[in-house]
């Protein structure tokens, strides 16, 4: 499986709209992505502290990671990459300079881009 930051961004946007206290944990459906890719990236998001999950280990075909809510860190990360133009500029800047995306690079570059827009 592969980490997919475009998918992670889509999951964060969807989870922000559809998770709430008292609502059942769930795995979102994202057009163009299969369950395994979504589930794997939710696990990575959990590992990075972006989402709270219910980890269902009782599935016969493997573990499921069901989103309960975004964490404070998840909201902050999403706020930095919410804008499509900021997101695309962030990705292009990082790919041009480094060639691959990381959470830390995305946070740093998107913050710099946002700061530049505000000046």
PDB file of N, CA and C in Angstrom:
ATOM      1  N   UNK A   1       0.839  -1.191   0.000  1.00  0.00           N
ATOM      2  CA  UNK A   1       0.000   0.000   0.000  1.00  0.00           C
ATOM      3  C   UNK A   1       0.874   1.241   0.000  1.00  0.00           C
ATOM      4  N   UNK A   2       0.295   2.323  -0.477  1.00  0.00           N
ATOM      5  CA  UNK A   2       1.028   3.565  -0.625  1.00  0.00           C
ATOM      6  C   UNK A   2       0.319   4.705   0.114  1.00  0.00           C
ATOM      7  N   UNK A   3       1.101   5.542   0.765  1.00  0.00           N
ATOM      8  CA  UNK A   3       0.555   6.748   1.390  1.00  0.00           C
ATOM      9  C   UNK A   3       0.169   7.705   0.268  1.00  0.00           C
ATOM     10  N   UNK A   4      -1.028   8.277   0.374  1.00  0.00           N
ATOM     11  CA  UNK A   4      -1.557   9.135  -0.689  1.00  0.00           C
ATOM     12  C   UNK A   4      -2.098  10.411  -0.046  1.00  0.00           C
ATOM     13  N   UNK A   5      -1.322  11.495  -0.151  1.00  0.00           N
ATOM     14  CA  UNK A   5      -1.721  12.737   0.509  1.00  0.00           C
ATOM     15  C   UNK A   5      -2.948  13.379  -0.127  1.00  0.00           C
ATOM     16  N   UNK A   6      -3.181  13.148  -1.413  1.00  0.00           N
ATOM     17  CA  UNK A   6      -4.425  13.643  -2.006  1.00  0.00           C
ATOM     18  C   UNK A   6      -5.618  12.952  -1.350  1.00  0.00           C
ATOM     19  N   UNK A   7      -5.506  11.649  -1.151  1.00  0.00           N
ATOM     20  CA  UNK A   7      -6.568  10.898  -0.479  1.00  0.00           C
ATOM     21  C   UNK A   7      -6.697  11.333   0.979  1.00  0.00           C
ATOM     22  N   UNK A   8      -5.591  11.513   1.651  1.00  0.00           N
ATOM     23  CA  UNK A   8      -5.628  11.955   3.057  1.00  0.00           C
ATOM     24  C   UNK A   8      -6.362  13.289   3.169  1.00  0.00           C
ATOM     25  N   UNK A   9      -6.084  14.201   2.264  1.00  0.00           N
ATOM     26  CA  UNK A   9      -6.774  15.494   2.275  1.00  0.00           C
ATOM     27  C   UNK A   9      -8.279  15.309   2.062  1.00  0.00           C
ATOM     28  N   UNK A  10      -8.648  14.458   1.111  1.00  0.00           N
ATOM     29  CA  UNK A  10     -10.076  14.201   0.854  1.00  0.00           C
ATOM     30  C   UNK A  10     -10.758  13.565   2.066  1.00  0.00           C
ATOM     31  N   UNK A  11     -10.070  12.641   2.724  1.00  0.00           N
ATOM     32  CA  UNK A  11     -10.640  12.003   3.916  1.00  0.00           C
ATOM     33  C   UNK A  11     -10.829  13.042   5.026  1.00  0.00           C
ATOM     34  N   UNK A  12      -9.840  13.914   5.222  1.00  0.00           N
ATOM     35  CA  UNK A  12      -9.965  14.957   6.244  1.00  0.00           C
ATOM     36  C   UNK A  12     -11.148  15.875   5.955  1.00  0.00           C
ATOM     37  N   UNK A  13     -11.289  16.294   4.703  1.00  0.00           N
ATOM     38  CA  UNK A  13     -12.413  17.162   4.333  1.00  0.00           C
ATOM     39  C   UNK A  13     -13.749  16.469   4.587  1.00  0.00           C
ATOM     40  N   UNK A  14     -13.829  15.198   4.210  1.00  0.00           N
ATOM     41  CA  UNK A  14     -15.066  14.433   4.385  1.00  0.00           C
ATOM     42  C   UNK A  14     -15.355  14.212   5.864  1.00  0.00           C
ATOM     43  N   UNK A  15     -14.330  13.867   6.623  1.00  0.00           N
ATOM     44  CA  UNK A  15     -14.513  13.588   8.053  1.00  0.00           C
ATOM     45  C   UNK A  15     -14.923  14.838   8.815  1.00  0.00           C
ATOM     46  N   UNK A  16     -14.416  15.978   8.417  1.00  0.00           N
ATOM     47  CA  UNK A  16     -14.797  17.226   9.067  1.00  0.00           C
ATOM     48  C   UNK A  16     -16.309  17.462   8.915  1.00  0.00           C
ATOM     49  N   UNK A  17     -16.847  17.125   7.762  1.00  0.00           N
ATOM     50  CA  UNK A  17     -18.263  17.337   7.489  1.00  0.00           C
ATOM     51  C   UNK A  17     -19.164  16.273   8.126  1.00  0.00           C
ATOM     52  N   UNK A  18     -18.641  15.052   8.282  1.00  0.00           N
ATOM     53  CA  UNK A  18     -19.528  13.941   8.623  1.00  0.00           C
ATOM     54  C   UNK A  18     -19.241  13.215   9.926  1.00  0.00           C
ATOM     55  N   UNK A  19     -18.290  13.681  10.712  1.00  0.00           N
ATOM     56  CA  UNK A  19     -18.078  13.065  12.021  1.00  0.00           C
ATOM     57  C   UNK A  19     -18.518  14.043  13.097  1.00  0.00           C
ATOM     58  N   UNK A  20     -19.101  13.493  14.140  1.00  0.00           N
ATOM     59  CA  UNK A  20     -19.598  14.338  15.234  1.00  0.00           C
ATOM     60  C   UNK A  20     -19.705  13.495  16.489  1.00  0.00           C
ATOM     61  N   UNK A  21     -19.642  14.141  17.670  1.00  0.00           N
ATOM     62  CA  UNK A  21     -19.826  13.388  18.903  1.00  0.00           C
ATOM     63  C   UNK A  21     -21.152  12.630  18.882  1.00  0.00           C
ATOM     64  N   UNK A  22     -21.114  11.388  19.290  1.00  0.00           N
ATOM     65  CA  UNK A  22     -22.314  10.570  19.326  1.00  0.00           C
ATOM     66  C   UNK A  22     -22.627   9.868  18.015  1.00  0.00           C
ATOM     67  N   UNK A  23     -21.939  10.237  16.937  1.00  0.00           N
ATOM     68  CA  UNK A  23     -22.142   9.596  15.644  1.00  0.00           C
ATOM     69  C   UNK A  23     -21.281   8.334  15.580  1.00  0.00           C
ATOM     70  N   UNK A  24     -21.765   7.314  14.913  1.00  0.00           N
ATOM     71  CA  UNK A  24     -21.029   6.056  14.809  1.00  0.00           C
ATOM     72  C   UNK A  24     -19.751   6.233  14.001  1.00  0.00           C
ATOM     73  N   UNK A  25     -18.661   5.575  14.425  1.00  0.00           N
ATOM     74  CA  UNK A  25     -17.434   5.593  13.626  1.00  0.00           C
ATOM     75  C   UNK A  25     -17.703   4.977  12.254  1.00  0.00           C
ATOM     76  N   UNK A  26     -16.979   5.430  11.252  1.00  0.00           N
ATOM     77  CA  UNK A  26     -17.246   4.975   9.892  1.00  0.00           C
ATOM     78  C   UNK A  26     -15.988   5.066   9.031  1.00  0.00           C
ATOM     79  N   UNK A  27     -16.037   4.373   7.912  1.00  0.00           N
ATOM     80  CA  UNK A  27     -15.023   4.496   6.874  1.00  0.00           C
ATOM     81  C   UNK A  27     -15.683   5.224   5.714  1.00  0.00           C
ATOM     82  N   UNK A  28     -15.180   6.401   5.360  1.00  0.00           N
ATOM     83  CA  UNK A  28     -15.814   7.153   4.279  1.00  0.00           C
ATOM     84  C   UNK A  28     -15.629   6.463   2.931  1.00  0.00           C
ATOM     85  N   UNK A  29     -16.541   6.737   2.027  1.00  0.00           N
ATOM     86  CA  UNK A  29     -16.395   6.314   0.641  1.00  0.00           C
ATOM     87  C   UNK A  29     -15.928   7.521  -0.151  1.00  0.00           C
ATOM     88  N   UNK A  30     -14.818   7.366  -0.849  1.00  0.00           N
ATOM     89  CA  UNK A  30     -14.242   8.452  -1.638  1.00  0.00           C
ATOM     90  C   UNK A  30     -14.181   7.975  -3.087  1.00  0.00           C
ATOM     91  N   UNK A  31     -14.833   8.720  -3.975  1.00  0.00           N
ATOM     92  CA  UNK A  31     -14.851   8.343  -5.391  1.00  0.00           C
ATOM     93  C   UNK A  31     -13.440   8.162  -5.927  1.00  0.00           C
ATOM     94  N   UNK A  32     -13.239   7.053  -6.657  1.00  0.00           N
ATOM     95  CA  UNK A  32     -11.954   6.785  -7.287  1.00  0.00           C
ATOM     96  C   UNK A  32     -10.964   6.033  -6.416  1.00  0.00           C
ATOM     97  N   UNK A  33     -11.355   5.706  -5.171  1.00  0.00           N
ATOM     98  CA  UNK A  33     -10.457   4.994  -4.261  1.00  0.00           C
ATOM     99  C   UNK A  33     -11.145   3.757  -3.713  1.00  0.00           C
ATOM    100  N   UNK A  34     -10.388   2.674  -3.597  1.00  0.00           N
ATOM    101  CA  UNK A  34     -10.963   1.442  -3.045  1.00  0.00           C
ATOM    102  C   UNK A  34     -10.863   1.428  -1.518  1.00  0.00           C
ATOM    103  N   UNK A  35     -11.613   0.510  -0.915  1.00  0.00           N
ATOM    104  CA  UNK A  35     -11.675   0.420   0.541  1.00  0.00           C
ATOM    105  C   UNK A  35     -10.292   0.224   1.158  1.00  0.00           C
ATOM    106  N   UNK A  36      -9.472  -0.650   0.565  1.00  0.00           N
ATOM    107  CA  UNK A  36      -8.159  -0.948   1.141  1.00  0.00           C
ATOM    108  C   UNK A  36      -7.279   0.302   1.198  1.00  0.00           C
ATOM    109  N   UNK A  37      -7.297   1.112   0.143  1.00  0.00           N
ATOM    110  CA  UNK A  37      -6.494   2.340   0.120  1.00  0.00           C
ATOM    111  C   UNK A  37      -6.988   3.337   1.165  1.00  0.00           C
ATOM    112  N   UNK A  38      -8.302   3.477   1.256  1.00  0.00           N
ATOM    113  CA  UNK A  38      -8.886   4.393   2.241  1.00  0.00           C
ATOM    114  C   UNK A  38      -8.547   3.925   3.651  1.00  0.00           C
ATOM    115  N   UNK A  39      -8.758   2.653   3.918  1.00  0.00           N
ATOM    116  CA  UNK A  39      -8.498   2.088   5.242  1.00  0.00           C
ATOM    117  C   UNK A  39      -7.026   2.258   5.637  1.00  0.00           C
ATOM    118  N   UNK A  40      -6.123   1.970   4.709  1.00  0.00           N
ATOM    119  CA  UNK A  40      -4.694   2.095   4.980  1.00  0.00           C
ATOM    120  C   UNK A  40      -4.314   3.543   5.296  1.00  0.00           C
ATOM    121  N   UNK A  41      -4.830   4.485   4.519  1.00  0.00           N
ATOM    122  CA  UNK A  41      -4.507   5.892   4.755  1.00  0.00           C
ATOM    123  C   UNK A  41      -5.139   6.418   6.033  1.00  0.00           C
ATOM    124  N   UNK A  42      -6.299   5.893   6.426  1.00  0.00           N
ATOM    125  CA  UNK A  42      -6.869   6.250   7.731  1.00  0.00           C
ATOM    126  C   UNK A  42      -5.948   5.768   8.845  1.00  0.00           C
ATOM    127  N   UNK A  43      -5.402   4.563   8.701  1.00  0.00           N
ATOM    128  CA  UNK A  43      -4.448   4.056   9.700  1.00  0.00           C
ATOM    129  C   UNK A  43      -3.244   4.995   9.803  1.00  0.00           C
ATOM    130  N   UNK A  44      -2.714   5.432   8.660  1.00  0.00           N
ATOM    131  CA  UNK A  44      -1.582   6.358   8.669  1.00  0.00           C
ATOM    132  C   UNK A  44      -1.964   7.686   9.324  1.00  0.00           C
ATOM    133  N   UNK A  45      -3.186   8.150   9.051  1.00  0.00           N
ATOM    134  CA  UNK A  45      -3.671   9.389   9.662  1.00  0.00           C
ATOM    135  C   UNK A  45      -3.774   9.237  11.178  1.00  0.00           C
ATOM    136  N   UNK A  46      -4.227   8.081  11.628  1.00  0.00           N
ATOM    137  CA  UNK A  46      -4.289   7.794  13.062  1.00  0.00           C
ATOM    138  C   UNK A  46      -2.876   7.793  13.658  1.00  0.00           C
ATOM    139  N   UNK A  47      -1.960   7.109  12.979  1.00  0.00           N
ATOM    140  CA  UNK A  47      -0.575   7.055  13.450  1.00  0.00           C
ATOM    141  C   UNK A  47       0.039   8.452  13.557  1.00  0.00           C
ATOM    142  N   UNK A  48      -0.359   9.367  12.662  1.00  0.00           N
ATOM    143  CA  UNK A  48       0.168  10.734  12.654  1.00  0.00           C
ATOM    144  C   UNK A  48      -0.583  11.657  13.608  1.00  0.00           C
ATOM    145  N   UNK A  49      -1.634  11.152  14.260  1.00  0.00           N
ATOM    146  CA  UNK A  49      -2.381  11.958  15.216  1.00  0.00           C
ATOM    147  C   UNK A  49      -3.405  12.887  14.593  1.00  0.00           C
ATOM    148  N   UNK A  50      -3.819  12.604  13.357  1.00  0.00           N
ATOM    149  CA  UNK A  50      -4.782  13.465  12.677  1.00  0.00           C
ATOM    150  C   UNK A  50      -6.231  13.095  12.957  1.00  0.00           C
ATOM    151  N   UNK A  51      -6.494  11.828  13.269  1.00  0.00           N
ATOM    152  CA  UNK A  51      -7.860  11.371  13.524  1.00  0.00           C
ATOM    153  C   UNK A  51      -7.893  10.426  14.720  1.00  0.00           C
ATOM    154  N   UNK A  52      -9.038  10.420  15.392  1.00  0.00           N
ATOM    155  CA  UNK A  52      -9.344   9.384  16.378  1.00  0.00           C
ATOM    156  C   UNK A  52     -10.117   8.314  15.638  1.00  0.00           C
ATOM    157  N   UNK A  53      -9.816   7.052  15.928  1.00  0.00           N
ATOM    158  CA  UNK A  53     -10.459   5.951  15.213  1.00  0.00           C
ATOM    159  C   UNK A  53     -10.974   4.894  16.175  1.00  0.00           C
ATOM    160  N   UNK A  54     -11.891   4.095  15.653  1.00  0.00           N
ATOM    161  CA  UNK A  54     -12.247   2.831  16.272  1.00  0.00           C
ATOM    162  C   UNK A  54     -11.523   1.786  15.452  1.00  0.00           C
ATOM    163  N   UNK A  55     -10.659   1.017  16.098  1.00  0.00           N
ATOM    164  CA  UNK A  55      -9.870  -0.003  15.413  1.00  0.00           C
ATOM    165  C   UNK A  55     -10.579  -1.339  15.571  1.00  0.00           C
ATOM    166  N   UNK A  56     -11.216  -1.780  14.513  1.00  0.00           N
ATOM    167  CA  UNK A  56     -11.952  -3.040  14.518  1.00  0.00           C
ATOM    168  C   UNK A  56     -11.007  -4.167  14.108  1.00  0.00           C
ATOM    169  N   UNK A  57     -10.622  -4.989  15.070  1.00  0.00           N
ATOM    170  CA  UNK A  57      -9.691  -6.092  14.788  1.00  0.00           C
ATOM    171  C   UNK A  57     -10.410  -7.418  14.569  1.00  0.00           C
ATOM    172  N   UNK A  58     -11.719  -7.387  14.541  1.00  0.00           N
ATOM    173  CA  UNK A  58     -12.493  -8.628  14.448  1.00  0.00           C
ATOM    174  C   UNK A  58     -12.961  -8.946  13.037  1.00  0.00           C
ATOM    175  N   UNK A  59     -12.443  -8.283  12.043  1.00  0.00           N
ATOM    176  CA  UNK A  59     -12.832  -8.533  10.665  1.00  0.00           C
ATOM    177  C   UNK A  59     -12.057  -9.737  10.138  1.00  0.00           C
ATOM    178  N   UNK A  60     -12.714 -10.648   9.467  1.00  0.00           N
ATOM    179  CA  UNK A  60     -12.020 -11.822   8.941  1.00  0.00           C
ATOM    180  C   UNK A  60     -11.010 -11.478   7.837  1.00  0.00           C
ATOM    181  N   UNK A  61     -11.219 -10.372   7.125  1.00  0.00           N
ATOM    182  CA  UNK A  61     -10.321 -10.019   6.024  1.00  0.00           C
ATOM    183  C   UNK A  61      -9.305  -8.946   6.412  1.00  0.00           C
ATOM    184  N   UNK A  62      -9.105  -8.704   7.690  1.00  0.00           N
ATOM    185  CA  UNK A  62      -8.121  -7.719   8.146  1.00  0.00           C
ATOM    186  C   UNK A  62      -8.746  -6.634   8.998  1.00  0.00           C
ATOM    187  N   UNK A  63      -7.902  -5.790   9.563  1.00  0.00           N
ATOM    188  CA  UNK A  63      -8.354  -4.721  10.449  1.00  0.00           C
ATOM    189  C   UNK A  63      -9.056  -3.611   9.675  1.00  0.00           C
ATOM    190  N   UNK A  64     -10.022  -2.993  10.330  1.00  0.00           N
ATOM    191  CA  UNK A  64     -10.677  -1.794   9.813  1.00  0.00           C
ATOM    192  C   UNK A  64     -10.353  -0.634  10.742  1.00  0.00           C
ATOM    193  N   UNK A  65     -10.148   0.535  10.170  1.00  0.00           N
ATOM    194  CA  UNK A  65      -9.955   1.762  10.941  1.00  0.00           C
ATOM    195  C   UNK A  65     -11.123   2.680  10.624  1.00  0.00           C
ATOM    196  N   UNK A  66     -11.999   2.863  11.592  1.00  0.00           N
ATOM    197  CA  UNK A  66     -13.207   3.653  11.417  1.00  0.00           C
ATOM    198  C   UNK A  66     -13.005   5.010  12.082  1.00  0.00           C
ATOM    199  N   UNK A  67     -13.271   6.078  11.354  1.00  0.00           N
ATOM    200  CA  UNK A  67     -13.052   7.427  11.878  1.00  0.00           C
ATOM    201  C   UNK A  67     -14.122   7.777  12.900  1.00  0.00           C
ATOM    202  N   UNK A  68     -13.657   8.256  14.054  1.00  0.00           N
ATOM    203  CA  UNK A  68     -14.563   8.832  15.052  1.00  0.00           C
ATOM    204  C   UNK A  68     -14.615  10.341  14.890  1.00  0.00           C
ATOM    205  N   UNK A  69     -13.441  10.973  14.768  1.00  0.00           N
ATOM    206  CA  UNK A  69     -13.391  12.431  14.639  1.00  0.00           C
ATOM    207  C   UNK A  69     -11.991  12.870  14.255  1.00  0.00           C
ATOM    208  N   UNK A  70     -11.885  14.127  13.849  1.00  0.00           N
ATOM    209  CA  UNK A  70     -10.574  14.735  13.659  1.00  0.00           C
ATOM    210  C   UNK A  70     -10.025  15.123  15.024  1.00  0.00           C
ATOM    211  N   UNK A  71      -8.720  15.084  15.157  1.00  0.00           N
ATOM    212  CA  UNK A  71      -8.071  15.580  16.365  1.00  0.00           C
ATOM    213  C   UNK A  71      -7.788  17.080  16.184  1.00  0.00           C
ATOM    214  N   UNK A  72      -7.307  17.713  17.227  1.00  0.00           N
ATOM    215  CA  UNK A  72      -6.901  19.114  17.124  1.00  0.00           C
ATOM    216  C   UNK A  72      -5.846  19.262  16.031  1.00  0.00           C
ATOM    217  N   UNK A  73      -4.866  18.351  16.026  1.00  0.00           N
ATOM    218  CA  UNK A  73      -3.813  18.354  15.004  1.00  0.00           C
ATOM    219  C   UNK A  73      -4.411  18.141  13.613  1.00  0.00           C
ATOM    220  N   UNK A  74      -5.412  17.278  13.514  1.00  0.00           N
ATOM    221  CA  UNK A  74      -6.071  17.035  12.238  1.00  0.00           C
ATOM    222  C   UNK A  74      -6.765  18.278  11.710  1.00  0.00           C
ATOM    223  N   UNK A  75      -7.437  19.011  12.597  1.00  0.00           N
ATOM    224  CA  UNK A  75      -8.075  20.266  12.186  1.00  0.00           C
ATOM    225  C   UNK A  75      -7.029  21.282  11.730  1.00  0.00           C
ATOM    226  N   UNK A  76      -5.930  21.405  12.468  1.00  0.00           N
ATOM    227  CA  UNK A  76      -4.868  22.343  12.087  1.00  0.00           C
ATOM    228  C   UNK A  76      -4.269  21.980  10.730  1.00  0.00           C
ATOM    229  N   UNK A  77      -3.984  20.698  10.529  1.00  0.00           N
ATOM    230  CA  UNK A  77      -3.408  20.245   9.263  1.00  0.00           C
ATOM    231  C   UNK A  77      -4.371  20.536   8.112  1.00  0.00           C
ATOM    232  N   UNK A  78      -5.643  20.208   8.306  1.00  0.00           N
ATOM    233  CA  UNK A  78      -6.641  20.458   7.265  1.00  0.00           C
ATOM    234  C   UNK A  78      -6.761  21.947   6.967  1.00  0.00           C
ATOM    235  N   UNK A  79      -6.737  22.781   7.983  1.00  0.00           N
ATOM    236  CA  UNK A  79      -6.851  24.222   7.753  1.00  0.00           C
ATOM    237  C   UNK A  79      -5.710  24.749   6.878  1.00  0.00           C
ATOM    238  N   UNK A  80      -4.544  24.126   6.964  1.00  0.00           N
ATOM    239  CA  UNK A  80      -3.412  24.553   6.141  1.00  0.00           C
ATOM    240  C   UNK A  80      -3.553  24.133   4.685  1.00  0.00           C
ATOM    241  N   UNK A  81      -4.273  23.044   4.427  1.00  0.00           N
ATOM    242  CA  UNK A  81      -4.349  22.519   3.052  1.00  0.00           C
ATOM    243  C   UNK A  81      -5.775  22.501   2.506  1.00  0.00           C
ATOM    244  N   UNK A  82      -6.685  23.153   3.178  1.00  0.00           N
ATOM    245  CA  UNK A  82      -8.094  23.160   2.758  1.00  0.00           C
ATOM    246  C   UNK A  82      -8.275  23.759   1.364  1.00  0.00           C
ATOM    247  N   UNK A  83      -7.672  24.913   1.129  1.00  0.00           N
ATOM    248  CA  UNK A  83      -7.789  25.601  -0.157  1.00  0.00           C
ATOM    249  C   UNK A  83      -7.137  24.758  -1.255  1.00  0.00           C
ATOM    250  N   UNK A  84      -7.880  24.549  -2.325  1.00  0.00           N
ATOM    251  CA  UNK A  84      -7.357  23.779  -3.461  1.00  0.00           C
ATOM    252  C   UNK A  84      -6.107  24.441  -4.042  1.00  0.00           C
ATOM    253  N   UNK A  85      -6.109  25.774  -4.122  1.00  0.00           N
ATOM    254  CA  UNK A  85      -4.950  26.463  -4.700  1.00  0.00           C
ATOM    255  C   UNK A  85      -3.726  26.355  -3.780  1.00  0.00           C
ATOM    256  N   UNK A  86      -3.930  26.491  -2.475  1.00  0.00           N
ATOM    257  CA  UNK A  86      -2.812  26.326  -1.533  1.00  0.00           C
ATOM    258  C   UNK A  86      -2.301  24.891  -1.575  1.00  0.00           C
ATOM    259  N   UNK A  87      -3.218  23.924  -1.630  1.00  0.00           N
ATOM    260  CA  UNK A  87      -2.834  22.522  -1.685  1.00  0.00           C
ATOM    261  C   UNK A  87      -1.988  22.247  -2.928  1.00  0.00           C
ATOM    262  N   UNK A  88      -2.446  22.685  -4.086  1.00  0.00           N
ATOM    263  CA  UNK A  88      -1.704  22.426  -5.327  1.00  0.00           C
ATOM    264  C   UNK A  88      -0.354  23.136  -5.337  1.00  0.00           C
ATOM    265  N   UNK A  89      -0.313  24.357  -4.847  1.00  0.00           N
ATOM    266  CA  UNK A  89       0.952  25.092  -4.789  1.00  0.00           C
ATOM    267  C   UNK A  89       1.918  24.413  -3.810  1.00  0.00           C
ATOM    268  N   UNK A  90       1.394  23.927  -2.688  1.00  0.00           N
ATOM    269  CA  UNK A  90       2.221  23.210  -1.704  1.00  0.00           C
ATOM    270  C   UNK A  90       2.829  21.964  -2.328  1.00  0.00           C
ATOM    271  N   UNK A  91       1.990  21.152  -2.958  1.00  0.00           N
ATOM    272  CA  UNK A  91       2.490  19.915  -3.593  1.00  0.00           C
ATOM    273  C   UNK A  91       3.533  20.219  -4.652  1.00  0.00           C
ATOM    274  N   UNK A  92       3.236  21.184  -5.534  1.00  0.00           N
ATOM    275  CA  UNK A  92       4.163  21.503  -6.621  1.00  0.00           C
ATOM    276  C   UNK A  92       5.492  22.021  -6.090  1.00  0.00           C
ATOM    277  N   UNK A  93       5.449  22.863  -5.066  1.00  0.00           N
ATOM    278  CA  UNK A  93       6.678  23.405  -4.480  1.00  0.00           C
ATOM    279  C   UNK A  93       7.530  22.279  -3.899  1.00  0.00           C
ATOM    280  N   UNK A  94       6.904  21.385  -3.156  1.00  0.00           N
ATOM    281  CA  UNK A  94       7.660  20.289  -2.530  1.00  0.00           C
ATOM    282  C   UNK A  94       8.204  19.337  -3.579  1.00  0.00           C
ATOM    283  N   UNK A  95       7.369  18.959  -4.558  1.00  0.00           N
ATOM    284  CA  UNK A  95       7.843  18.050  -5.601  1.00  0.00           C
ATOM    285  C   UNK A  95       8.995  18.658  -6.401  1.00  0.00           C
ATOM    286  N   UNK A  96       8.920  19.957  -6.693  1.00  0.00           N
ATOM    287  CA  UNK A  96       9.995  20.620  -7.446  1.00  0.00           C
ATOM    288  C   UNK A  96      11.310  20.615  -6.684  1.00  0.00           C
ATOM    289  N   UNK A  97      11.241  20.780  -5.358  1.00  0.00           N
ATOM    290  CA  UNK A  97      12.462  20.897  -4.545  1.00  0.00           C
ATOM    291  C   UNK A  97      12.964  19.557  -4.005  1.00  0.00           C
ATOM    292  N   UNK A  98      12.029  18.669  -3.611  1.00  0.00           N
ATOM    293  CA  UNK A  98      12.407  17.454  -2.888  1.00  0.00           C
ATOM    294  C   UNK A  98      12.041  16.187  -3.654  1.00  0.00           C
ATOM    295  N   UNK A  99      10.886  16.188  -4.284  1.00  0.00           N
ATOM    296  CA  UNK A  99      10.474  15.019  -5.052  1.00  0.00           C
ATOM    297  C   UNK A  99       9.484  14.114  -4.354  1.00  0.00           C
ATOM    298  N   UNK A 100       9.273  14.307  -3.056  1.00  0.00           N
ATOM    299  CA  UNK A 100       8.293  13.489  -2.339  1.00  0.00           C
ATOM    300  C   UNK A 100       7.713  14.282  -1.172  1.00  0.00           C
ATOM    301  N   UNK A 101       6.483  13.920  -0.797  1.00  0.00           N
ATOM    302  CA  UNK A 101       5.771  14.634   0.258  1.00  0.00           C
ATOM    303  C   UNK A 101       5.943  13.965   1.616  1.00  0.00           C
ATOM    304  N   UNK A 102       6.028  14.781   2.663  1.00  0.00           N
ATOM    305  CA  UNK A 102       5.962  14.302   4.043  1.00  0.00           C
ATOM    306  C   UNK A 102       5.016  15.224   4.798  1.00  0.00           C
ATOM    307  N   UNK A 103       4.490  14.757   5.931  1.00  0.00           N
ATOM    308  CA  UNK A 103       3.616  15.596   6.734  1.00  0.00           C
ATOM    309  C   UNK A 103       4.318  16.894   7.127  1.00  0.00           C
ATOM    310  N   UNK A 104       5.542  16.782   7.598  1.00  0.00           N
ATOM    311  CA  UNK A 104       6.268  17.968   8.064  1.00  0.00           C
ATOM    312  C   UNK A 104       6.501  18.951   6.931  1.00  0.00           C
ATOM    313  N   UNK A 105       6.886  18.452   5.758  1.00  0.00           N
ATOM    314  CA  UNK A 105       7.103  19.347   4.620  1.00  0.00           C
ATOM    315  C   UNK A 105       5.809  20.030   4.216  1.00  0.00           C
ATOM    316  N   UNK A 106       4.715  19.298   4.194  1.00  0.00           N
ATOM    317  CA  UNK A 106       3.424  19.879   3.834  1.00  0.00           C
ATOM    318  C   UNK A 106       3.040  20.969   4.829  1.00  0.00           C
ATOM    319  N   UNK A 107       3.194  20.696   6.120  1.00  0.00           N
ATOM    320  CA  UNK A 107       2.850  21.697   7.136  1.00  0.00           C
ATOM    321  C   UNK A 107       3.701  22.953   6.984  1.00  0.00           C
ATOM    322  N   UNK A 108       4.991  22.782   6.770  1.00  0.00           N
ATOM    323  CA  UNK A 108       5.905  23.916   6.675  1.00  0.00           C
ATOM    324  C   UNK A 108       5.647  24.740   5.416  1.00  0.00           C
ATOM    325  N   UNK A 109       5.569  24.072   4.279  1.00  0.00           N
ATOM    326  CA  UNK A 109       5.406  24.787   3.011  1.00  0.00           C
ATOM    327  C   UNK A 109       4.031  25.438   2.919  1.00  0.00           C
ATOM    328  N   UNK A 110       2.983  24.731   3.341  1.00  0.00           N
ATOM    329  CA  UNK A 110       1.647  25.331   3.271  1.00  0.00           C
ATOM    330  C   UNK A 110       1.551  26.559   4.181  1.00  0.00           C
ATOM    331  N   UNK A 111       2.186  26.510   5.353  1.00  0.00           N
ATOM    332  CA  UNK A 111       2.186  27.666   6.253  1.00  0.00           C
ATOM    333  C   UNK A 111       2.907  28.846   5.598  1.00  0.00           C
ATOM    334  N   UNK A 112       4.008  28.573   4.907  1.00  0.00           N
ATOM    335  CA  UNK A 112       4.754  29.621   4.212  1.00  0.00           C
ATOM    336  C   UNK A 112       3.925  30.228   3.081  1.00  0.00           C
ATOM    337  N   UNK A 113       3.222  29.374   2.343  1.00  0.00           N
ATOM    338  CA  UNK A 113       2.385  29.855   1.245  1.00  0.00           C
ATOM    339  C   UNK A 113       1.245  30.721   1.795  1.00  0.00           C
ATOM    340  N   UNK A 114       0.615  30.275   2.853  1.00  0.00           N
ATOM    341  CA  UNK A 114      -0.471  31.044   3.471  1.00  0.00           C
ATOM    342  C   UNK A 114       0.052  32.388   3.979  1.00  0.00           C
ATOM    343  N   UNK A 115       1.216  32.365   4.620  1.00  0.00           N
ATOM    344  CA  UNK A 115       1.814  33.602   5.121  1.00  0.00           C
ATOM    345  C   UNK A 115       2.067  34.570   3.963  1.00  0.00           C
ATOM    346  N   UNK A 116       2.552  34.055   2.839  1.00  0.00           N
ATOM    347  CA  UNK A 116       2.792  34.884   1.666  1.00  0.00           C
ATOM    348  C   UNK A 116       1.511  35.494   1.113  1.00  0.00           C
ATOM    349  N   UNK A 117       0.426  34.749   1.173  1.00  0.00           N
ATOM    350  CA  UNK A 117      -0.862  35.277   0.707  1.00  0.00           C
ATOM    351  C   UNK A 117      -1.380  36.392   1.602  1.00  0.00           C
ATOM    352  N   UNK A 118      -1.032  36.329   2.881  1.00  0.00           N
ATOM    353  CA  UNK A 118      -1.511  37.316   3.834  1.00  0.00           C
ATOM    354  C   UNK A 118      -0.699  38.610   3.810  1.00  0.00           C
ATOM    355  N   UNK A 119       0.486  38.563   3.246  1.00  0.00           N
ATOM    356  CA  UNK A 119       1.357  39.753   3.245  1.00  0.00           C
ATOM    357  C   UNK A 119       1.022  40.682   2.101  1.00  0.00           C
TER     358      UNK A 119
END
